[in-house]
Amino acid sequence: MDRRTFLQGSAAGLASLSLEQVAKAAASERIRVGMIGAGGRASALNRHFAENPQAEIVTIAEIDSARLGNTVETVTKLQGKQPSVTQDFRHLLDDNSLDAIVVGTPDHWHAIPTILACQAGKDVYVEKPDGHNIVEGQRMVAAMKKHNRVVQLGSQHRSTERLQSALAYIRSGALGRCLVAKAWESTKQGNIGNPPDGTPPETVDYDMWLGPAKKRPFNKNRFHGRWRWFHDYGTGDLGNDGVHRLDMAFAALNAACEAQGDAAISLPSKISATGGKWYFDDMQEWPDTLQVTYEYQSDTPKILTYEMRIWAPYHYHGESEGAVIYGDKAHMTIGNSRWRVYGERGKLIKEVKGDSDATPHVANFLDCIKTRSKPACDLETVGHPASVLCHAGNIAARVGRTLVLDPKTETFENDDAANQLRGREEWRKPWILPEV
């Protein structure tokens, strides 16, 4: 009997075993996980997976050995077993005992491990956005579908009771007719300065860290913690925090479509953006000030907007970051710890509190591995469309004009410059984007 068959066994069968036998069986039949990354967001993911009794972290791959100590200690303490370590994630792909891979890397290292893991027959939990660009995301979806894998994008709010209850309220029709939703980000970021190039730490495999990105001299700003502000590796704050807020607003609009009897929306037909790097005098390349408008032409036209001011520490609708959907009877704001409904003259009608903890998102992923069902943030139907919103908004800002999107091909009509930004100019050898 294989691992997944055992996990789907009947309660009656387990009842015939002693408690000791059940405990031993449960330990041996845990979902075996390989983690890619030990620092940053990956440190939290290691903790979430290690504390779930359904999972066992077998191996952690990390290009910077200096980041391993605390994470290995935490994982060992939580799961009662020390994981092995490696600098090369490919060792995880070759391990036939692993059921799943968790990709907790910078954006430019999302696609290649995910695709290779799918090809190796492993399910994947990958951080948001899905890829560094649209082409990578499309290739990830293709690999998931071809190899019939469960792929969960790390937009953890999708598994929270907070968001699910908000969407249920919208589906009730209590907001009235809804045509417009907005997402925003005004959590203050800092100036990163302009330090000179230097030498990578001895603990780092710097060539591996660069991966498919261009070969460049080491700079501490283009590395741990700050990589997201550079075109080579990240997607700016739109792909960092904005993807969460846009996805919440997008989900809210679709809930309203359901209540109104409108067809569900997916990708917009037009994207326009204004903004740029207007505030910070430093090395950052992505905008620090941005407004994006997404137009949907469905049964009834709808608009989704995004605002980002990462130098302005003030709240909008009472939240530093969040989403709002406007109806003709009431509007709803969705933050990280609550949602609220306001009626005429700003009267508070309802408030529900909750959190954004990733624990239920990890649990949902592990459950879906066993049941082979779609996870809460399924890559194809939820995670990739939300990621395309971010990529398309960034592209519209870079080219400085309104883009017309073909939702079937995810290409821009009659715009060679915009289409060039759908992928990389080239993927640095040997880290070529795998064919599917």
Protein backbone atom coordinates (compact mmCIF):
# COMPACT_ATOMS: atom_id res chain seq x y z
CA MET A 1 0.00 0.00 0.00
CA ASP A 2 1.48 3.37 -1.02
CA ARG A 3 1.52 6.53 1.06
CA ARG A 4 -1.52 8.25 -0.43
CA THR A 5 -3.60 5.09 -0.39
CA PHE A 6 -2.89 4.72 3.29
CA LEU A 7 -3.87 8.29 4.05
CA GLN A 8 -7.20 7.75 2.35
CA GLY A 9 -7.86 4.59 4.32
CA SER A 10 -11.03 4.21 6.31
CA ALA A 11 -11.42 5.25 9.92
CA ALA A 12 -12.73 1.77 10.61
CA GLY A 13 -9.40 0.26 9.57
CA LEU A 14 -7.50 2.56 11.88
CA ALA A 15 -9.84 1.81 14.73
CA SER A 16 -8.68 -1.80 14.71
CA LEU A 17 -5.12 -0.73 15.49
CA SER A 18 -3.67 0.16 18.89
CA LEU A 19 -2.95 3.79 19.66
CA GLU A 20 0.78 3.06 19.41
CA GLN A 21 0.32 1.46 16.01
CA VAL A 22 -1.74 4.38 14.78
CA ALA A 23 0.92 6.84 15.95
CA LYS A 24 3.69 4.93 14.22
CA ALA A 25 1.66 4.60 11.03
CA ALA A 26 0.78 8.31 11.02
CA ALA A 27 4.44 9.25 11.37
CA SER A 28 5.56 6.94 8.59
CA GLU A 29 2.84 8.08 6.23
CA ARG A 30 3.38 11.80 6.51
CA ILE A 31 3.63 13.74 3.27
CA ARG A 32 7.36 14.04 2.63
CA VAL A 33 8.34 17.59 1.71
CA GLY A 34 11.43 19.19 0.23
CA MET A 35 11.88 22.91 0.98
CA ILE A 36 13.66 25.30 -1.39
CA GLY A 37 14.76 28.24 0.72
CA ALA A 38 15.51 28.81 4.41
CA GLY A 39 15.46 32.59 4.82
CA GLY A 40 12.96 35.38 4.26
CA ARG A 41 9.47 34.10 3.46
CA ALA A 42 10.86 30.56 3.28
CA SER A 43 11.70 30.62 6.99
CA ALA A 44 7.98 31.07 7.78
CA LEU A 45 6.99 28.35 5.31
CA ASN A 46 9.43 25.93 6.93
CA ARG A 47 7.76 26.61 10.26
CA HIS A 48 4.23 26.17 8.91
CA PHE A 49 5.00 22.85 7.25
CA ALA A 50 7.02 21.51 10.19
CA GLU A 51 4.25 22.21 12.68
CA ASN A 52 1.63 20.39 10.57
CA PRO A 53 1.43 16.73 11.68
CA GLN A 54 0.54 15.63 8.16
CA ALA A 55 3.93 16.72 6.80
CA GLU A 56 7.60 15.94 7.33
CA ILE A 57 10.32 18.23 5.97
CA VAL A 58 12.94 15.80 4.71
CA THR A 59 15.44 18.14 3.05
CA ILE A 60 16.03 21.91 2.88
CA ALA A 61 17.86 23.39 -0.12
CA GLU A 62 19.44 26.81 0.44
CA ILE A 63 22.12 28.62 -1.59
CA ASP A 64 23.31 30.55 1.49
CA SER A 65 24.45 28.16 4.22
CA ALA A 66 24.44 31.03 6.75
CA ARG A 67 20.64 30.98 6.65
CA LEU A 68 20.28 27.30 7.49
CA GLY A 69 21.09 27.18 11.22
CA ASN A 70 18.01 28.82 12.76
CA THR A 71 15.63 27.24 10.26
CA VAL A 72 16.99 23.72 10.72
CA GLU A 73 16.81 24.15 14.50
CA THR A 74 13.19 25.34 14.31
CA VAL A 75 12.13 22.54 11.97
CA THR A 76 13.85 19.89 14.10
CA LYS A 77 12.16 21.14 17.24
CA LEU A 78 8.71 21.28 15.68
CA GLN A 79 8.67 17.94 13.87
CA GLY A 80 11.01 15.98 16.13
CA LYS A 81 13.34 15.03 13.30
CA GLN A 82 16.24 16.89 11.75
CA PRO A 83 16.06 17.52 7.99
CA SER A 84 19.05 17.06 5.71
CA VAL A 85 20.44 20.12 3.87
CA THR A 86 21.86 20.88 0.43
CA GLN A 87 22.81 23.93 -1.64
CA ASP A 88 21.43 22.50 -4.89
CA PHE A 89 17.64 22.13 -5.15
CA ARG A 90 18.06 19.53 -7.89
CA HIS A 91 18.86 16.98 -5.21
CA LEU A 92 15.23 17.31 -4.11
CA LEU A 93 13.98 16.55 -7.60
CA ASP A 94 16.06 13.38 -7.72
CA ASP A 95 14.68 12.14 -4.38
CA ASN A 96 11.88 9.73 -5.31
CA SER A 97 10.74 9.58 -1.69
CA LEU A 98 9.54 13.20 -1.73
CA ASP A 99 5.87 13.89 -2.38
CA ALA A 100 5.98 17.68 -2.59
CA ILE A 101 8.29 20.63 -3.14
CA VAL A 102 7.87 24.05 -1.51
CA VAL A 103 9.37 26.95 -3.47
CA GLY A 104 10.10 29.85 -1.11
CA THR A 105 12.59 31.67 -3.33
CA PRO A 106 12.84 35.11 -4.95
CA ASP A 107 10.48 35.58 -7.91
CA HIS A 108 13.09 34.78 -10.57
CA TRP A 109 13.50 31.30 -9.09
CA HIS A 110 9.79 30.36 -8.98
CA ALA A 111 9.23 28.92 -12.44
CA ILE A 112 12.15 26.57 -13.07
CA PRO A 113 11.88 24.53 -9.82
CA THR A 114 8.09 24.38 -10.12
CA ILE A 115 8.18 23.07 -13.69
CA LEU A 116 10.94 20.56 -12.93
CA ALA A 117 9.10 19.39 -9.80
CA CYS A 118 5.92 18.79 -11.81
CA GLN A 119 7.95 16.82 -14.36
CA ALA A 120 9.42 14.79 -11.48
CA GLY A 121 5.90 13.86 -10.32
CA LYS A 122 5.84 16.09 -7.24
CA ASP A 123 3.15 18.50 -6.06
CA VAL A 124 4.20 22.10 -5.47
CA TYR A 125 3.53 24.97 -3.08
CA VAL A 126 5.09 28.06 -4.69
CA GLU A 127 5.23 31.60 -3.37
CA LYS A 128 3.49 34.46 -5.17
CA PRO A 129 3.51 35.70 -7.86
CA ASP A 130 3.58 32.49 -9.86
CA GLY A 131 6.58 33.42 -12.02
CA HIS A 132 8.85 36.38 -12.64
CA ASN A 133 6.85 37.17 -15.80
CA ILE A 134 3.82 36.07 -17.84
CA VAL A 135 5.68 33.53 -20.00
CA GLU A 136 7.05 31.75 -16.93
CA GLY A 137 3.59 31.59 -15.37
CA GLN A 138 2.09 30.14 -18.55
CA ARG A 139 4.79 27.46 -18.65
CA MET A 140 4.14 26.61 -14.99
CA VAL A 141 0.42 26.15 -15.67
CA ALA A 142 1.19 23.95 -18.68
CA ALA A 143 3.49 21.73 -16.59
CA MET A 144 0.91 21.42 -13.83
CA LYS A 145 -1.79 20.36 -16.29
CA LYS A 146 0.38 17.99 -18.32
CA HIS A 147 1.64 16.12 -15.26
CA ASN A 148 -1.62 16.33 -13.26
CA ARG A 149 -0.04 17.97 -10.24
CA VAL A 150 -1.49 19.93 -7.32
CA VAL A 151 0.07 23.41 -7.37
CA GLN A 152 -0.86 25.92 -4.66
CA LEU A 153 0.17 29.57 -4.99
CA GLY A 154 1.19 31.16 -1.69
CA SER A 155 -1.63 33.72 -1.52
CA GLN A 156 -2.63 32.53 1.94
CA HIS A 157 -5.66 34.79 2.33
CA ARG A 158 -7.55 32.46 -0.04
CA SER A 159 -7.72 29.86 2.74
CA THR A 160 -8.73 32.22 5.55
CA GLU A 161 -12.16 32.28 7.13
CA ARG A 162 -11.87 36.06 6.95
CA LEU A 163 -11.93 36.17 3.14
CA GLN A 164 -14.33 33.26 2.71
CA SER A 165 -16.94 34.88 4.98
CA ALA A 166 -16.52 38.20 3.16
CA LEU A 167 -17.14 36.55 -0.21
CA ALA A 168 -20.18 34.73 1.16
CA TYR A 169 -21.61 38.06 2.31
CA ILE A 170 -21.09 39.56 -1.15
CA ARG A 171 -22.73 36.53 -2.78
CA SER A 172 -25.83 37.17 -0.64
CA GLY A 173 -26.44 40.33 -2.69
CA ALA A 174 -26.37 42.58 0.38
CA LEU A 175 -24.09 45.12 -1.33
CA GLY A 176 -26.47 45.57 -4.24
CA ARG A 177 -25.17 45.89 -7.78
CA CYS A 178 -21.36 46.10 -7.94
CA LEU A 179 -19.34 47.36 -10.90
CA VAL A 180 -16.12 48.65 -9.33
CA ALA A 181 -13.49 47.30 -6.95
CA LYS A 182 -10.20 48.79 -5.78
CA ALA A 183 -6.97 47.45 -4.24
CA TRP A 184 -4.29 49.58 -2.60
CA GLU A 185 -0.93 49.51 -0.90
CA SER A 186 0.40 52.34 1.27
CA THR A 187 2.65 50.44 3.66
CA LYS A 188 5.78 52.58 3.92
CA GLN A 189 8.99 51.17 2.50
CA GLY A 190 12.45 52.66 3.02
CA ASN A 191 15.17 54.18 0.90
CA ILE A 192 17.74 51.47 0.08
CA GLY A 193 20.51 53.84 -0.96
CA ASN A 194 23.18 53.33 -3.62
CA PRO A 195 25.91 51.10 -2.16
CA PRO A 196 28.84 50.05 -4.38
CA ASP A 197 29.27 46.56 -5.77
CA GLY A 198 31.16 44.12 -3.58
CA THR A 199 32.02 40.49 -3.03
CA PRO A 200 29.39 37.84 -2.28
CA PRO A 201 29.60 36.22 1.17
CA GLU A 202 31.66 33.01 1.31
CA THR A 203 28.55 31.14 2.44
CA VAL A 204 26.72 31.88 -0.83
CA ASP A 205 26.62 30.11 -4.18
CA TYR A 206 26.17 33.40 -6.01
CA ASP A 207 26.00 31.94 -9.52
CA MET A 208 23.18 29.66 -8.39
CA TRP A 209 21.44 32.61 -6.73
CA LEU A 210 21.48 34.53 -10.02
CA GLY A 211 20.04 31.53 -11.84
CA PRO A 212 18.33 32.56 -15.10
CA ALA A 213 19.01 36.28 -14.51
CA LYS A 214 21.86 38.20 -16.13
CA LYS A 215 25.37 37.83 -14.75
CA ARG A 216 26.02 40.95 -12.66
CA PRO A 217 28.51 41.92 -9.95
CA PHE A 218 27.33 41.24 -6.42
CA ASN A 219 25.58 44.13 -4.68
CA LYS A 220 23.95 43.83 -1.28
CA ASN A 221 20.91 45.70 -2.60
CA ARG A 222 20.42 43.12 -5.35
CA PHE A 223 20.37 40.27 -2.84
CA HIS A 224 18.59 39.08 0.32
CA GLY A 225 15.66 41.26 1.32
CA ARG A 226 15.95 43.84 -1.45
CA TRP A 227 15.98 41.80 -4.65
CA ARG A 228 12.28 42.49 -5.26
CA TRP A 229 12.99 46.11 -6.27
CA PHE A 230 14.98 45.09 -9.37
CA HIS A 231 13.72 44.02 -12.79
CA ASP A 232 16.06 41.02 -12.97
CA TYR A 233 14.69 39.25 -9.91
CA GLY A 234 11.44 40.76 -8.61
CA THR A 235 8.15 42.28 -9.65
CA GLY A 236 8.14 45.38 -7.45
CA ASP A 237 5.56 45.99 -4.78
CA LEU A 238 2.77 45.26 -7.26
CA GLY A 239 3.93 41.64 -7.40
CA ASN A 240 5.01 41.57 -3.76
CA ASP A 241 2.07 42.84 -1.69
CA GLY A 242 -0.17 44.11 -4.47
CA VAL A 243 -0.89 40.59 -5.72
CA HIS A 244 -2.69 39.86 -2.42
CA ARG A 245 -4.83 43.00 -2.54
CA LEU A 246 -5.63 42.67 -6.25
CA ASP A 247 -6.62 39.05 -5.78
CA MET A 248 -8.96 39.96 -2.91
CA ALA A 249 -10.58 42.68 -5.01
CA PHE A 250 -10.78 40.31 -7.99
CA ALA A 251 -12.40 37.62 -5.82
CA ALA A 252 -14.87 40.16 -4.48
CA LEU A 253 -15.87 41.22 -8.01
CA ASN A 254 -16.44 37.60 -8.99
CA ALA A 255 -18.56 37.03 -5.89
CA ALA A 256 -20.64 40.03 -6.96
CA CYS A 257 -20.94 38.59 -10.48
CA GLU A 258 -22.36 35.42 -8.94
CA ALA A 259 -24.88 37.40 -6.90
CA GLN A 260 -25.90 39.47 -9.93
CA GLY A 261 -26.12 36.62 -12.40
CA ASP A 262 -23.24 38.04 -14.46
CA ALA A 263 -20.62 35.87 -16.13
CA ALA A 264 -17.47 35.40 -14.09
CA ILE A 265 -14.51 37.59 -14.98
CA SER A 266 -10.92 36.44 -15.43
CA LEU A 267 -8.41 38.56 -17.32
CA PRO A 268 -9.16 42.18 -18.29
CA SER A 269 -9.42 43.46 -21.85
CA LYS A 270 -7.57 46.75 -21.22
CA ILE A 271 -4.83 47.77 -18.79
CA SER A 272 -3.58 51.30 -18.29
CA ALA A 273 -1.08 52.59 -15.75
CA THR A 274 0.55 55.78 -14.63
CA GLY A 275 3.34 56.31 -12.16
CA GLY A 276 7.00 55.56 -11.75
CA LYS A 277 9.93 55.91 -9.42
CA TRP A 278 9.03 59.38 -8.22
CA TYR A 279 9.92 59.42 -4.52
CA PHE A 280 12.99 57.40 -3.59
CA ASP A 281 16.44 58.53 -4.73
CA ASP A 282 18.12 55.13 -4.67
CA MET A 283 18.81 51.99 -6.71
CA GLN A 284 15.22 50.74 -6.87
CA GLU A 285 13.98 50.14 -10.44
CA TRP A 286 10.28 49.38 -9.98
CA PRO A 287 7.74 52.19 -9.34
CA ASP A 288 7.23 53.57 -5.85
CA THR A 289 4.10 55.40 -7.02
CA LEU A 290 1.58 53.66 -9.25
CA GLN A 291 -2.04 53.59 -10.35
CA VAL A 292 -3.37 50.83 -12.60
CA THR A 293 -6.82 50.45 -14.14
CA TYR A 294 -8.12 47.11 -15.41
CA GLU A 295 -11.22 47.15 -17.65
CA TYR A 296 -13.43 44.07 -18.04
CA GLN A 297 -15.85 43.71 -20.93
CA SER A 298 -18.30 41.00 -19.89
CA ASP A 299 -22.09 40.92 -19.59
CA THR A 300 -21.73 44.17 -17.72
CA PRO A 301 -18.48 46.16 -17.90
CA LYS A 302 -16.48 46.30 -14.66
CA ILE A 303 -13.43 48.15 -13.42
CA LEU A 304 -10.69 47.02 -11.06
CA THR A 305 -8.11 49.58 -9.91
CA TYR A 306 -4.87 49.42 -7.96
CA GLU A 307 -3.11 52.24 -6.11
CA MET A 308 0.37 52.04 -4.62
CA ARG A 309 2.17 54.65 -2.54
CA ILE A 310 4.97 52.90 -0.66
CA TRP A 311 6.26 56.15 0.81
CA ALA A 312 3.00 57.25 2.46
CA PRO A 313 2.22 55.71 5.89
CA TYR A 314 -1.46 56.53 6.06
CA HIS A 315 -4.64 54.52 5.77
CA TYR A 316 -7.29 54.38 3.06
CA HIS A 317 -10.72 53.18 4.10
CA GLY A 318 -9.11 52.55 7.48
CA GLU A 319 -6.48 50.11 6.13
CA SER A 320 -2.86 50.60 5.10
CA GLU A 321 -3.37 47.87 2.49
CA GLY A 322 -6.52 46.15 1.37
CA ALA A 323 -9.40 46.01 -1.08
CA VAL A 324 -12.83 47.55 -1.38
CA ILE A 325 -15.84 46.67 -3.52
CA TYR A 326 -18.56 49.26 -4.15
CA GLY A 327 -22.23 48.38 -4.51
CA ASP A 328 -25.26 50.62 -4.95
CA LYS A 329 -26.52 49.62 -1.48
CA ALA A 330 -23.28 49.36 0.50
CA HIS A 331 -19.54 48.90 0.12
CA MET A 332 -17.16 46.44 1.77
CA THR A 333 -13.53 46.93 2.78
CA ILE A 334 -11.28 43.88 3.26
CA GLY A 335 -8.08 44.29 5.27
CA ASN A 336 -5.56 41.88 6.72
CA SER A 337 -7.43 41.38 9.98
CA ARG A 338 -11.08 42.27 9.30
CA TRP A 339 -13.78 43.13 6.81
CA ARG A 340 -16.38 45.81 7.23
CA VAL A 341 -19.54 46.86 5.43
CA TYR A 342 -20.72 50.47 5.26
CA GLY A 343 -24.10 51.76 4.17
CA GLU A 344 -25.41 55.22 3.39
CA ARG A 345 -23.51 58.15 4.91
CA GLY A 346 -20.71 55.84 5.97
CA LYS A 347 -22.74 53.97 8.59
CA LEU A 348 -20.99 50.79 9.75
CA ILE A 349 -23.35 47.87 9.12
CA LYS A 350 -21.17 44.85 9.86
CA GLU A 351 -17.63 43.99 10.96
CA VAL A 352 -16.00 40.55 11.03
CA LYS A 353 -12.47 40.02 12.38
CA GLY A 354 -9.95 37.40 11.30
CA ASP A 355 -6.30 36.96 10.41
CA SER A 356 -4.04 36.21 7.45
CA ASP A 357 -2.10 33.34 8.99
CA ALA A 358 -0.80 30.81 6.44
CA THR A 359 -1.52 27.75 8.61
CA PRO A 360 -4.87 26.89 6.93
CA HIS A 361 -3.34 27.50 3.48
CA VAL A 362 -0.62 24.94 4.12
CA ALA A 363 -3.22 22.53 5.54
CA ASN A 364 -5.37 23.01 2.43
CA PHE A 365 -2.41 22.16 0.19
CA LEU A 366 -1.61 18.99 2.14
CA ASP A 367 -5.25 17.91 2.12
CA CYS A 368 -5.41 18.40 -1.65
CA ILE A 369 -2.33 16.23 -2.14
CA LYS A 370 -4.27 13.41 -0.52
CA THR A 371 -7.60 14.03 -2.24
CA ARG A 372 -6.20 15.21 -5.62
CA SER A 373 -8.59 18.14 -5.59
CA LYS A 374 -7.99 21.78 -6.52
CA PRO A 375 -6.40 23.85 -3.75
CA ALA A 376 -7.78 27.18 -2.55
CA CYS A 377 -5.30 29.11 -4.68
CA ASP A 378 -5.07 26.72 -7.61
CA LEU A 379 -2.37 27.91 -9.99
CA GLU A 380 -4.41 27.72 -13.19
CA THR A 381 -7.72 29.21 -12.08
CA VAL A 382 -6.70 31.61 -9.28
CA GLY A 383 -2.96 32.11 -8.85
CA HIS A 384 -1.93 32.68 -12.46
CA PRO A 385 -4.72 35.14 -13.34
CA ALA A 386 -3.89 37.19 -10.23
CA SER A 387 -0.21 37.13 -11.18
CA VAL A 388 -1.00 38.24 -14.75
CA LEU A 389 -2.78 41.29 -13.32
CA CYS A 390 0.48 42.28 -11.61
CA HIS A 391 2.72 41.56 -14.59
CA ALA A 392 0.40 43.38 -17.01
CA GLY A 393 0.17 46.39 -14.70
CA ASN A 394 3.96 46.56 -14.48
CA ILE A 395 4.29 46.28 -18.25
CA ALA A 396 1.73 49.04 -18.85
CA ALA A 397 3.69 51.31 -16.50
CA ARG A 398 6.99 50.53 -18.24
CA VAL A 399 5.73 51.20 -21.78
CA GLY A 400 3.58 54.16 -20.73
CA ARG A 401 0.42 53.39 -22.68
CA THR A 402 -2.87 51.51 -22.53
CA LEU A 403 -2.55 47.84 -23.40
CA VAL A 404 -5.18 45.65 -25.07
CA LEU A 405 -4.91 42.09 -23.77
CA ASP A 406 -5.96 38.92 -25.56
CA PRO A 407 -7.11 36.82 -22.57
CA LYS A 408 -6.70 33.53 -24.47
CA THR A 409 -3.05 34.00 -25.43
CA GLU A 410 -2.14 36.53 -22.72
CA THR A 411 -0.46 38.66 -25.35
CA PHE A 412 -0.89 42.37 -26.10
CA GLU A 413 -2.45 43.39 -29.40
CA ASN A 414 -0.18 45.26 -31.83
CA ASP A 415 2.45 46.08 -29.22
CA ASP A 416 5.85 44.48 -29.78
CA ALA A 417 7.52 46.36 -26.93
CA ALA A 418 4.92 45.23 -24.39
CA ASN A 419 5.06 41.65 -25.66
CA GLN A 420 8.83 41.63 -25.30
CA LEU A 421 8.33 42.29 -21.58
CA ARG A 422 6.09 39.22 -21.23
CA GLY A 423 9.24 37.15 -20.68
CA ARG A 424 12.98 37.58 -20.35
CA GLU A 425 15.18 38.73 -23.18
CA GLU A 426 17.00 35.46 -22.50
CA TRP A 427 17.29 32.89 -19.71
CA ARG A 428 20.95 32.54 -18.69
CA LYS A 429 22.41 29.11 -19.43
CA PRO A 430 22.15 26.50 -18.08
CA TRP A 431 18.97 27.85 -16.46
CA ILE A 432 16.83 27.83 -19.57
CA LEU A 433 13.07 27.79 -19.01
CA PRO A 434 12.12 24.09 -19.38
CA GLU A 435 9.95 23.02 -22.27
CA VAL A 436 6.68 21.33 -21.38
